[in-house]
Structures are given as C-alpha cells and as structure tokens.
C-alpha atoms as a PDB file:
ATOM      1  CA  UNK A   1      81.216  86.770  78.074  1.00  0.00           C
ATOM      2  CA  UNK A   2      78.955  86.197  81.155  1.00  0.00           C
ATOM      3  CA  UNK A   3      79.918  86.968  84.796  1.00  0.00           C
ATOM      4  CA  UNK A   4      79.141  85.524  88.184  1.00  0.00           C
ATOM      5  CA  UNK A   5      78.698  87.746  91.211  1.00  0.00           C
ATOM      6  CA  UNK A   6      80.025  85.392  93.851  1.00  0.00           C
ATOM      7  CA  UNK A   7      78.420  87.194  96.777  1.00  0.00           C
ATOM      8  CA  UNK A   8      75.364  89.297  96.504  1.00  0.00           C
ATOM      9  CA  UNK A   9      72.286  89.597  98.765  1.00  0.00           C
ATOM     10  CA  UNK A  10      69.253  88.762  96.687  1.00  0.00           C
ATOM     11  CA  UNK A  11      66.949  89.553  99.583  1.00  0.00           C
ATOM     12  CA  UNK A  12      67.896  93.189  99.336  1.00  0.00           C
ATOM     13  CA  UNK A  13      68.117  93.570  95.604  1.00  0.00           C
ATOM     14  CA  UNK A  14      65.254  95.180  93.657  1.00  0.00           C
ATOM     15  CA  UNK A  15      63.900  93.806  90.405  1.00  0.00           C
ATOM     16  CA  UNK A  16      65.350  96.895  88.685  1.00  0.00           C
ATOM     17  CA  UNK A  17      68.835  96.102  89.973  1.00  0.00           C
ATOM     18  CA  UNK A  18      68.536  92.436  88.895  1.00  0.00           C
ATOM     19  CA  UNK A  19      67.499  93.535  85.476  1.00  0.00           C
ATOM     20  CA  UNK A  20      70.484  95.906  85.244  1.00  0.00           C
ATOM     21  CA  UNK A  21      72.825  93.122  86.360  1.00  0.00           C
ATOM     22  CA  UNK A  22      71.443  90.833  83.649  1.00  0.00           C
ATOM     23  CA  UNK A  23      71.809  93.538  80.972  1.00  0.00           C
ATOM     24  CA  UNK A  24      75.471  93.966  82.016  1.00  0.00           C
ATOM     25  CA  UNK A  25      76.174  90.227  81.544  1.00  0.00           C
ATOM     26  CA  UNK A  26      76.051  89.266  85.276  1.00  0.00           C
ATOM     27  CA  UNK A  27      74.113  86.108  84.516  1.00  0.00           C
ATOM     28  CA  UNK A  28      75.101  84.216  87.653  1.00  0.00           C
ATOM     29  CA  UNK A  29      74.875  84.978  91.406  1.00  0.00           C
ATOM     30  CA  UNK A  30      75.681  83.254  94.593  1.00  0.00           C
ATOM     31  CA  UNK A  31      73.679  84.539  97.490  1.00  0.00           C
ATOM     32  CA  UNK A  32      74.465  83.964 101.200  1.00  0.00           C
ATOM     33  CA  UNK A  33      71.786  83.974 103.841  1.00  0.00           C
ATOM     34  CA  UNK A  34      71.194  87.418 105.222  1.00  0.00           C
ATOM     35  CA  UNK A  35      69.161  88.901 108.026  1.00  0.00           C
ATOM     36  CA  UNK A  36      70.015  92.343 109.442  1.00  0.00           C
ATOM     37  CA  UNK A  37      68.843  91.481 112.942  1.00  0.00           C
ATOM     38  CA  UNK A  38      69.278  93.765 115.999  1.00  0.00           C
ATOM     39  CA  UNK A  39      68.991  90.992 118.593  1.00  0.00           C
ATOM     40  CA  UNK A  40      69.326  87.233 118.608  1.00  0.00           C
ATOM     41  CA  UNK A  41      66.592  85.474 116.656  1.00  0.00           C
ATOM     42  CA  UNK A  42      64.786  82.205 117.153  1.00  0.00           C
ATOM     43  CA  UNK A  43      65.831  79.026 115.405  1.00  0.00           C
ATOM     44  CA  UNK A  44      62.480  79.118 113.544  1.00  0.00           C
ATOM     45  CA  UNK A  45      63.314  82.529 112.154  1.00  0.00           C
ATOM     46  CA  UNK A  46      66.613  81.248 110.855  1.00  0.00           C
ATOM     47  CA  UNK A  47      64.951  78.249 109.214  1.00  0.00           C
ATOM     48  CA  UNK A  48      62.433  80.650 107.607  1.00  0.00           C
ATOM     49  CA  UNK A  49      65.305  82.715 106.237  1.00  0.00           C
ATOM     50  CA  UNK A  50      66.882  79.605 104.754  1.00  0.00           C
ATOM     51  CA  UNK A  51      63.614  78.579 103.201  1.00  0.00           C
ATOM     52  CA  UNK A  52      62.830  81.999 101.790  1.00  0.00           C
ATOM     53  CA  UNK A  53      66.261  82.099 100.246  1.00  0.00           C
ATOM     54  CA  UNK A  54      65.731  78.802  98.379  1.00  0.00           C
ATOM     55  CA  UNK A  55      61.968  79.062  97.641  1.00  0.00           C
ATOM     56  CA  UNK A  56      61.690  82.735  96.702  1.00  0.00           C
ATOM     57  CA  UNK A  57      64.974  84.657  96.275  1.00  0.00           C
ATOM     58  CA  UNK A  58      66.646  82.407  93.835  1.00  0.00           C
ATOM     59  CA  UNK A  59      63.569  82.549  91.643  1.00  0.00           C
ATOM     60  CA  UNK A  60      63.620  86.373  91.571  1.00  0.00           C
ATOM     61  CA  UNK A  61      67.095  86.130  89.938  1.00  0.00           C
ATOM     62  CA  UNK A  62      66.063  83.484  87.468  1.00  0.00           C
ATOM     63  CA  UNK A  63      63.105  85.630  86.376  1.00  0.00           C
ATOM     64  CA  UNK A  64      65.738  88.060  85.167  1.00  0.00           C
ATOM     65  CA  UNK A  65      67.776  85.398  83.279  1.00  0.00           C
ATOM     66  CA  UNK A  66      70.316  85.045  86.075  1.00  0.00           C
ATOM     67  CA  UNK A  67      71.387  81.606  87.277  1.00  0.00           C
ATOM     68  CA  UNK A  68      71.297  81.524  91.028  1.00  0.00           C
ATOM     69  CA  UNK A  69      72.841  79.468  93.809  1.00  0.00           C
ATOM     70  CA  UNK A  70      72.643  79.831  97.609  1.00  0.00           C
ATOM     71  CA  UNK A  71      74.823  79.665 100.607  1.00  0.00           C
ATOM     72  CA  UNK A  72      73.108  78.481 103.753  1.00  0.00           C
ATOM     73  CA  UNK A  73      74.382  78.751 107.358  1.00  0.00           C
ATOM     74  CA  UNK A  74      74.242  80.326 110.744  1.00  0.00           C
ATOM     75  CA  UNK A  75      75.558  83.851 110.224  1.00  0.00           C
ATOM     76  CA  UNK A  76      77.711  85.667 112.718  1.00  0.00           C
ATOM     77  CA  UNK A  77      75.354  88.683 112.445  1.00  0.00           C
ATOM     78  CA  UNK A  78      72.063  86.873 112.838  1.00  0.00           C
ATOM     79  CA  UNK A  79      72.743  84.367 115.637  1.00  0.00           C
ATOM     80  CA  UNK A  80      70.058  82.215 117.287  1.00  0.00           C
ATOM     81  CA  UNK A  81      68.923  82.671 120.870  1.00  0.00           C
ATOM     82  CA  UNK A  82      67.905  79.027 121.008  1.00  0.00           C
ATOM     83  CA  UNK A  83      68.090  75.747 119.133  1.00  0.00           C
ATOM     84  CA  UNK A  84      71.722  75.959 117.813  1.00  0.00           C
ATOM     85  CA  UNK A  85      72.049  72.140 117.955  1.00  0.00           C
ATOM     86  CA  UNK A  86      68.840  71.719 116.037  1.00  0.00           C
ATOM     87  CA  UNK A  87      69.944  74.126 113.315  1.00  0.00           C
ATOM     88  CA  UNK A  88      73.335  72.416 113.036  1.00  0.00           C
ATOM     89  CA  UNK A  89      71.674  69.048 112.803  1.00  0.00           C
ATOM     90  CA  UNK A  90      69.327  70.376 109.997  1.00  0.00           C
ATOM     91  CA  UNK A  91      72.106  72.071 107.988  1.00  0.00           C
ATOM     92  CA  UNK A  92      73.380  68.962 106.133  1.00  0.00           C
ATOM     93  CA  UNK A  93      69.951  68.367 104.606  1.00  0.00           C
ATOM     94  CA  UNK A  94      70.055  71.878 103.103  1.00  0.00           C
ATOM     95  CA  UNK A  95      73.561  71.354 101.780  1.00  0.00           C
ATOM     96  CA  UNK A  96      72.399  68.259  99.927  1.00  0.00           C
ATOM     97  CA  UNK A  97      70.184  70.423  97.733  1.00  0.00           C
ATOM     98  CA  UNK A  98      71.597  71.021  94.240  1.00  0.00           C
ATOM     99  CA  UNK A  99      71.062  74.843  94.408  1.00  0.00           C
ATOM    100  CA  UNK A 100      73.145  75.119  97.604  1.00  0.00           C
ATOM    101  CA  UNK A 101      76.874  75.401  96.908  1.00  0.00           C
ATOM    102  CA  UNK A 102      78.296  76.473 100.334  1.00  0.00           C
ATOM    103  CA  UNK A 103      77.900  77.277 103.977  1.00  0.00           C
ATOM    104  CA  UNK A 104      78.008  81.035 104.294  1.00  0.00           C
ATOM    105  CA  UNK A 105      78.684  83.578 105.027  1.00  0.00           C
ATOM    106  CA  UNK A 106      80.015  82.737 108.495  1.00  0.00           C
ATOM    107  CA  UNK A 107      82.918  83.826 110.603  1.00  0.00           C
ATOM    108  CA  UNK A 108      83.957  86.641 112.914  1.00  0.00           C
ATOM    109  CA  UNK A 109      82.277  90.026 113.075  1.00  0.00           C
ATOM    110  CA  UNK A 110      83.016  92.266 116.190  1.00  0.00           C
ATOM    111  CA  UNK A 111      80.172  94.592 115.091  1.00  0.00           C
ATOM    112  CA  UNK A 112      77.491  91.856 115.266  1.00  0.00           C
ATOM    113  CA  UNK A 113      74.338  93.132 116.983  1.00  0.00           C
ATOM    114  CA  UNK A 114      73.047  89.707 117.731  1.00  0.00           C
ATOM    115  CA  UNK A 115      76.121  88.248 119.506  1.00  0.00           C
ATOM    116  CA  UNK A 116      79.531  89.791 119.326  1.00  0.00           C
ATOM    117  CA  UNK A 117      81.139  87.329 121.767  1.00  0.00           C
ATOM    118  CA  UNK A 118      84.178  86.023 119.821  1.00  0.00           C
ATOM    119  CA  UNK A 119      84.041  82.735 121.688  1.00  0.00           C
ATOM    120  CA  UNK A 120      80.464  82.193 120.554  1.00  0.00           C
ATOM    121  CA  UNK A 121      81.266  83.182 117.003  1.00  0.00           C
ATOM    122  CA  UNK A 122      84.280  80.788 117.022  1.00  0.00           C
ATOM    123  CA  UNK A 123      82.020  77.932 118.245  1.00  0.00           C
ATOM    124  CA  UNK A 124      79.631  78.582 115.368  1.00  0.00           C
ATOM    125  CA  UNK A 125      82.404  78.632 112.831  1.00  0.00           C
ATOM    126  CA  UNK A 126      84.090  75.534 114.220  1.00  0.00           C
ATOM    127  CA  UNK A 127      80.822  73.492 114.181  1.00  0.00           C
ATOM    128  CA  UNK A 128      80.057  74.593 110.636  1.00  0.00           C
ATOM    129  CA  UNK A 129      83.561  73.852 109.474  1.00  0.00           C
ATOM    130  CA  UNK A 130      83.035  70.287 110.754  1.00  0.00           C
ATOM    131  CA  UNK A 131      79.798  69.984 108.729  1.00  0.00           C
ATOM    132  CA  UNK A 132      81.496  71.379 105.629  1.00  0.00           C
ATOM    133  CA  UNK A 133      84.294  68.895 106.009  1.00  0.00           C
ATOM    134  CA  UNK A 134      81.948  65.903 106.280  1.00  0.00           C
ATOM    135  CA  UNK A 135      79.624  67.132 103.488  1.00  0.00           C
ATOM    136  CA  UNK A 136      82.425  67.953 101.074  1.00  0.00           C
ATOM    137  CA  UNK A 137      81.101  71.364 100.179  1.00  0.00           C
ATOM    138  CA  UNK A 138      82.654  74.864 100.365  1.00  0.00           C
ATOM    139  CA  UNK A 139      82.585  77.393 103.157  1.00  0.00           C
ATOM    140  CA  UNK A 140      82.545  81.158 102.698  1.00  0.00           C
ATOM    141  CA  UNK A 141      84.157  82.948 105.606  1.00  0.00           C
ATOM    142  CA  UNK A 142      83.594  86.586 106.350  1.00  0.00           C
ATOM    143  CA  UNK A 143      86.465  88.720 107.619  1.00  0.00           C
ATOM    144  CA  UNK A 144      85.784  92.244 109.089  1.00  0.00           C
ATOM    145  CA  UNK A 145      87.215  95.667 108.765  1.00  0.00           C
ATOM    146  CA  UNK A 146      89.493  97.474 109.767  1.00  0.00           C
ATOM    147  CA  UNK A 147      92.643  95.984 108.268  1.00  0.00           C
ATOM    148  CA  UNK A 148      94.180  94.792 111.551  1.00  0.00           C
ATOM    149  CA  UNK A 149      91.008  92.935 112.406  1.00  0.00           C
ATOM    150  CA  UNK A 150      90.799  91.572 108.823  1.00  0.00           C
ATOM    151  CA  UNK A 151      94.278  90.086 109.111  1.00  0.00           C
ATOM    152  CA  UNK A 152      93.603  88.712 112.652  1.00  0.00           C
ATOM    153  CA  UNK A 153      90.331  87.109 111.567  1.00  0.00           C
ATOM    154  CA  UNK A 154      91.852  85.672 108.435  1.00  0.00           C
ATOM    155  CA  UNK A 155      94.648  84.026 110.424  1.00  0.00           C
ATOM    156  CA  UNK A 156      92.316  82.589 113.022  1.00  0.00           C
ATOM    157  CA  UNK A 157      89.772  81.303 110.385  1.00  0.00           C
ATOM    158  CA  UNK A 158      92.456  79.601 108.347  1.00  0.00           C
ATOM    159  CA  UNK A 159      93.883  78.094 111.532  1.00  0.00           C
ATOM    160  CA  UNK A 160      90.463  76.686 112.508  1.00  0.00           C
ATOM    161  CA  UNK A 161      89.986  75.155 109.078  1.00  0.00           C
ATOM    162  CA  UNK A 162      93.401  73.477 109.273  1.00  0.00           C
ATOM    163  CA  UNK A 163      92.952  72.316 112.821  1.00  0.00           C
ATOM    164  CA  UNK A 164      89.695  70.637 111.955  1.00  0.00           C
ATOM    165  CA  UNK A 165      90.967  68.900 108.866  1.00  0.00           C
ATOM    166  CA  UNK A 166      89.151  70.827 106.205  1.00  0.00           C
ATOM    167  CA  UNK A 167      90.543  70.674 102.639  1.00  0.00           C
ATOM    168  CA  UNK A 168      91.731  74.240 102.088  1.00  0.00           C
ATOM    169  CA  UNK A 169      90.490  74.170  98.515  1.00  0.00           C
ATOM    170  CA  UNK A 170      87.009  74.166 100.086  1.00  0.00           C
ATOM    171  CA  UNK A 171      87.654  77.466 101.922  1.00  0.00           C
ATOM    172  CA  UNK A 172      86.740  80.933 100.509  1.00  0.00           C
ATOM    173  CA  UNK A 173      87.924  83.950 102.562  1.00  0.00           C
ATOM    174  CA  UNK A 174      85.647  86.726 101.518  1.00  0.00           C
ATOM    175  CA  UNK A 175      86.197  90.569 101.524  1.00  0.00           C
ATOM    176  CA  UNK A 176      89.956  90.204 100.830  1.00  0.00           C
ATOM    177  CA  UNK A 177      92.207  93.174 100.252  1.00  0.00           C
ATOM    178  CA  UNK A 178      95.922  93.726  99.780  1.00  0.00           C
ATOM    179  CA  UNK A 179      96.173  93.306 103.604  1.00  0.00           C
ATOM    180  CA  UNK A 180      95.247  89.659 103.801  1.00  0.00           C
ATOM    181  CA  UNK A 181      95.186  88.103 100.248  1.00  0.00           C
ATOM    182  CA  UNK A 182      98.695  86.616 100.468  1.00  0.00           C
ATOM    183  CA  UNK A 183      97.771  84.871 103.737  1.00  0.00           C
ATOM    184  CA  UNK A 184      94.765  83.288 101.944  1.00  0.00           C
ATOM    185  CA  UNK A 185      96.657  82.193  98.830  1.00  0.00           C
ATOM    186  CA  UNK A 186      99.610  80.815 100.795  1.00  0.00           C
ATOM    187  CA  UNK A 187      97.170  78.641 102.768  1.00  0.00           C
ATOM    188  CA  UNK A 188      95.778  77.151  99.611  1.00  0.00           C
ATOM    189  CA  UNK A 189      92.377  78.788 100.022  1.00  0.00           C
ATOM    190  CA  UNK A 190      90.378  80.992  97.636  1.00  0.00           C
ATOM    191  CA  UNK A 191      90.340  84.750  98.018  1.00  0.00           C
ATOM    192  CA  UNK A 192      87.237  86.656  97.123  1.00  0.00           C
ATOM    193  CA  UNK A 193      87.587  90.419  96.702  1.00  0.00           C
ATOM    194  CA  UNK A 194      84.397  92.412  97.558  1.00  0.00           C
ATOM    195  CA  UNK A 195      84.405  95.526  95.453  1.00  0.00           C
ATOM    196  CA  UNK A 196      83.269  98.091  97.959  1.00  0.00           C
ATOM    197  CA  UNK A 197      84.899 101.487  98.659  1.00  0.00           C
ATOM    198  CA  UNK A 198      84.346 101.150 102.358  1.00  0.00           C
ATOM    199  CA  UNK A 199      86.437  97.994 102.171  1.00  0.00           C
ATOM    200  CA  UNK A 200      89.064 100.057 100.306  1.00  0.00           C
ATOM    201  CA  UNK A 201      88.382  98.167  97.006  1.00  0.00           C
ATOM    202  CA  UNK A 202      86.997  99.790  93.807  1.00  0.00           C
ATOM    203  CA  UNK A 203      86.963  98.438  90.283  1.00  0.00           C
ATOM    204  CA  UNK A 204      90.286 100.054  89.429  1.00  0.00           C
ATOM    205  CA  UNK A 205      92.437  98.944  92.349  1.00  0.00           C
ATOM    206  CA  UNK A 206      90.680  95.519  92.301  1.00  0.00           C
ATOM    207  CA  UNK A 207      91.798  95.164  88.689  1.00  0.00           C
ATOM    208  CA  UNK A 208      95.332  96.135  89.656  1.00  0.00           C
ATOM    209  CA  UNK A 209      95.450  93.598  92.444  1.00  0.00           C
ATOM    210  CA  UNK A 210      94.132  90.839  90.180  1.00  0.00           C
ATOM    211  CA  UNK A 211      96.778  91.541  87.626  1.00  0.00           C
ATOM    212  CA  UNK A 212      99.387  91.629  90.336  1.00  0.00           C
ATOM    213  CA  UNK A 213      98.537  88.267  91.781  1.00  0.00           C
ATOM    214  CA  UNK A 214      97.504  86.398  88.623  1.00  0.00           C
ATOM    215  CA  UNK A 215      96.094  83.542  90.597  1.00  0.00           C
ATOM    216  CA  UNK A 216      93.491  80.980  89.666  1.00  0.00           C
ATOM    217  CA  UNK A 217      92.220  81.153  93.301  1.00  0.00           C
ATOM    218  CA  UNK A 218      91.064  84.784  93.223  1.00  0.00           C
ATOM    219  CA  UNK A 219      87.695  86.094  92.028  1.00  0.00           C
ATOM    220  CA  UNK A 220      85.477  89.131  92.647  1.00  0.00           C
ATOM    221  CA  UNK A 221      82.067  89.888  94.098  1.00  0.00           C
ATOM    222  CA  UNK A 222      79.954  92.926  94.964  1.00  0.00           C
ATOM    223  CA  UNK A 223      78.551  91.968  98.419  1.00  0.00           C
ATOM    224  CA  UNK A 224      75.732  94.195  97.239  1.00  0.00           C
ATOM    225  CA  UNK A 225      72.215  95.126  97.930  1.00  0.00           C
ATOM    226  CA  UNK A 226      70.214  98.205  97.009  1.00  0.00           C
ATOM    227  CA  UNK A 227      71.128  99.624 100.405  1.00  0.00           C
ATOM    228  CA  UNK A 228      74.936  99.406 100.087  1.00  0.00           C
ATOM    229  CA  UNK A 229      77.544  98.725  97.294  1.00  0.00           C
ATOM    230  CA  UNK A 230      77.152  98.505  93.565  1.00  0.00           C
ATOM    231  CA  UNK A 231      75.298  95.510  92.009  1.00  0.00           C
ATOM    232  CA  UNK A 232      77.243  96.104  88.779  1.00  0.00           C
ATOM    233  CA  UNK A 233      80.656  95.878  90.499  1.00  0.00           C
ATOM    234  CA  UNK A 234      81.717  92.655  88.854  1.00  0.00           C
ATOM    235  CA  UNK A 235      80.984  93.978  85.385  1.00  0.00           C
ATOM    236  CA  UNK A 236      82.906  97.179  86.193  1.00  0.00           C
ATOM    237  CA  UNK A 237      85.928  95.101  87.261  1.00  0.00           C
ATOM    238  CA  UNK A 238      85.783  93.242  83.925  1.00  0.00           C
ATOM    239  CA  UNK A 239      85.822  96.617  82.169  1.00  0.00           C
ATOM    240  CA  UNK A 240      88.699  97.892  84.252  1.00  0.00           C
ATOM    241  CA  UNK A 241      90.734  94.728  83.474  1.00  0.00           C
ATOM    242  CA  UNK A 242      89.950  95.174  79.762  1.00  0.00           C
ATOM    243  CA  UNK A 243      91.140  98.797  79.969  1.00  0.00           C
ATOM    244  CA  UNK A 244      94.439  97.573  81.438  1.00  0.00           C
ATOM    245  CA  UNK A 245      94.976  95.137  78.512  1.00  0.00           C
ATOM    246  CA  UNK A 246      93.843  91.874  80.203  1.00  0.00           C
ATOM    247  CA  UNK A 247      92.781  89.280  77.732  1.00  0.00           C
ATOM    248  CA  UNK A 248      89.383  87.664  77.736  1.00  0.00           C
ATOM    249  CA  UNK A 249      90.590  84.409  79.305  1.00  0.00           C
ATOM    250  CA  UNK A 250      91.957  86.251  82.384  1.00  0.00           C
ATOM    251  CA  UNK A 251      88.796  88.386  82.713  1.00  0.00           C
ATOM    252  CA  UNK A 252      86.696  85.223  82.429  1.00  0.00           C
ATOM    253  CA  UNK A 253      88.766  83.571  85.208  1.00  0.00           C
ATOM    254  CA  UNK A 254      88.529  86.490  87.614  1.00  0.00           C
ATOM    255  CA  UNK A 255      84.864  87.203  86.957  1.00  0.00           C
ATOM    256  CA  UNK A 256      83.507  83.687  86.464  1.00  0.00           C
ATOM    257  CA  UNK A 257      85.401  80.483  86.233  1.00  0.00           C
ATOM    258  CA  UNK A 258      87.572  80.785  89.343  1.00  0.00           C
ATOM    259  CA  UNK A 259      84.427  81.173  91.304  1.00  0.00           C
ATOM    260  CA  UNK A 260      82.879  78.153  89.582  1.00  0.00           C
ATOM    261  CA  UNK A 261      85.815  76.104  90.667  1.00  0.00           C
ATOM    262  CA  UNK A 262      85.663  77.349  94.275  1.00  0.00           C
ATOM    263  CA  UNK A 263      81.984  76.469  94.622  1.00  0.00           C
ATOM    264  CA  UNK A 264      81.872  73.276  92.396  1.00  0.00           C
ATOM    265  CA  UNK A 265      79.602  74.856  89.794  1.00  0.00           C
ATOM    266  CA  UNK A 266      79.883  72.688  86.682  1.00  0.00           C
ATOM    267  CA  UNK A 267      77.300  74.250  84.324  1.00  0.00           C
ATOM    268  CA  UNK A 268      76.979  77.953  83.595  1.00  0.00           C
ATOM    269  CA  UNK A 269      75.181  79.682  82.069  1.00  0.00           C
ATOM    270  CA  UNK A 270      72.054  77.503  82.047  1.00  0.00           C
ATOM    271  CA  UNK A 271      70.094  80.198  80.274  1.00  0.00           C
ATOM    272  CA  UNK A 272      72.923  81.488  78.066  1.00  0.00           C
END
C-alpha cells in the first residue's frame, strides 16, 4: 500500500527525508508554494517561487521514487508588495499545467509577517476563489491556530466559497481538528488533518478522529519540512489505524484515495 502526503513543503525537505518517506511507502506528495518571508516580496520573487516549485522541487521528489504535484497561488504568508493583478492574471496559465492540482495554500493567517491585514488576506482569497471556480480546479485553504481562530477562519472561508459560487467539492480546508471538522464536512468540502502536535494532532488522536468520522472527504497530511513536523506522519497514521483494527481499504482511503479524489489525481503511483 502506498500513501500520499497531501501537504508537504518540498522546498524545505532534505534528500534524506525524501528517501525516508519513500522507504515508508509515502510515494506521493502534494506541495504548496512556500516562502518564509519577513516582509512583502516583489511579484517577480513570487513568480520565481512558482517556477522553482515546478522546475526543481517536484524533480527532487521524483528522484526518490515519489510522484509529486504542486499547488500554486499567492500565499497569505508571502504576500506581494506590487503586481497583484499581474500575478492573478498569470495564475490560470500555471493551473493549466498537468502537475498543478490546486491553488494553495491560501487563506487567513493573523501571524503573517508580510501582511496580516485581514481585509487584504480576504481580497487575495476571494480573487483566487474566483480563479479556481473558473478553472475548475481545487483550492487548499489554510486555517490558523488557536482553536477559536481556526473555527472563525473556517466559517469565513467556507462562506466566501459559497458566496462566490464555488463547487464545495473543490474546497479543501487544511489543518483541521476536532474543533472545525464538522463545519467542513457539513459544508460538503474536504477536511485535511495536518498531523502536528502543535496543532493538537498526533498519529494516535488523528486515527481516532478518522475512525469516528468515517468520511470519504477526510484525509491526512504532515505539513512538514525538516524544520518542523514529521515527514513520516502519514505512514505513522496508517500504522495507528492498523493498530486500531482498521482494514486496508479504510487506511488506503484516509492516506491516499480520498486525497486523490479531492485533487483530481487519476493515476497513482506512476512509479509503483
């Protein structure tokens, strides 16, 4: 059985970590754009990040027998100081590439060091929701900690998607926990659980939550890099599910096929 890590940051993963992931049957990854900026960046920098993601980072995964797909978008934590309209106009051409499966990760983050203005972040989310709606792809929406902010951001993000006519089956709310997962599932969206102790989720309580919900619209990811989180988190959730008596079909759904459905991935593994 092979797994997909539905949200991992290839830019920050070492070759050693990628090898370990492959050895633990994590043979697919979806990687959002990521730039840990301390101040707003130029539009050209954002374009460079998009291009490096597609032209370099996906290849690093494939060198370790891991199928790789990308999310592309204007992140709430690396916002542009200029050229927003140009970036938005350029985004559909990136979404047309077969290796790009979503806009992401985007959304609300009060701790952003590039622009924490909620009105600005909402504008970026709304404009990208419109692009997703017209392109027919998926959007991955980040929701922050602590739990009250997570719930508030989840409600507002889902509301924006509904208001702008987006098919809710094209919405992934990322970093879900017990606090907001029912809001997501009731809306008809997908819930991604990031297995990170600082988000109150570890392999064991993630397995418990998956078994409690038994939904075909829930899957897991690590949101990992070598700097934070565990690149093997998805495999450890699979182990925890197995230890709790889950059958292989359920483990495959939570750690692979539900994610494939959310992002429209039809063939995996390509290198199996």
